[in-house]
Amino acid sequence: MSKGTRIYVLDQPLFKAFVNLKDPRVPGRCLHPLINIIFITFCALIAGCDGWKAIENFGREKIRWLSQFINLENGIPS
């Protein structure tokens, strides 16, 4: 899917609730936007994942699908 046709998560009503969350991480030391982590985690939990390793594995297995919605130029967070 080209960049121009990507469906951005931030435009979706469900995720507008997460846009204003304060990111507690140190700025400049994070490769992945907080909304990406939230989105991947949310999808993985719906799919039945029950821990961080399972969420990471879900992300790696579904990276093509996830990249339709979010920018994953830095890959899946570990």
Foldseek 3Di string as FASTA:
>chain_A
DDPVQAAEPCVDPVCVVVPPDDDPDDPPPDPDDPSLVVVLVVVQVVVPDDDDVSSQVSCVVCVVVSCSHDPQPVGGDD
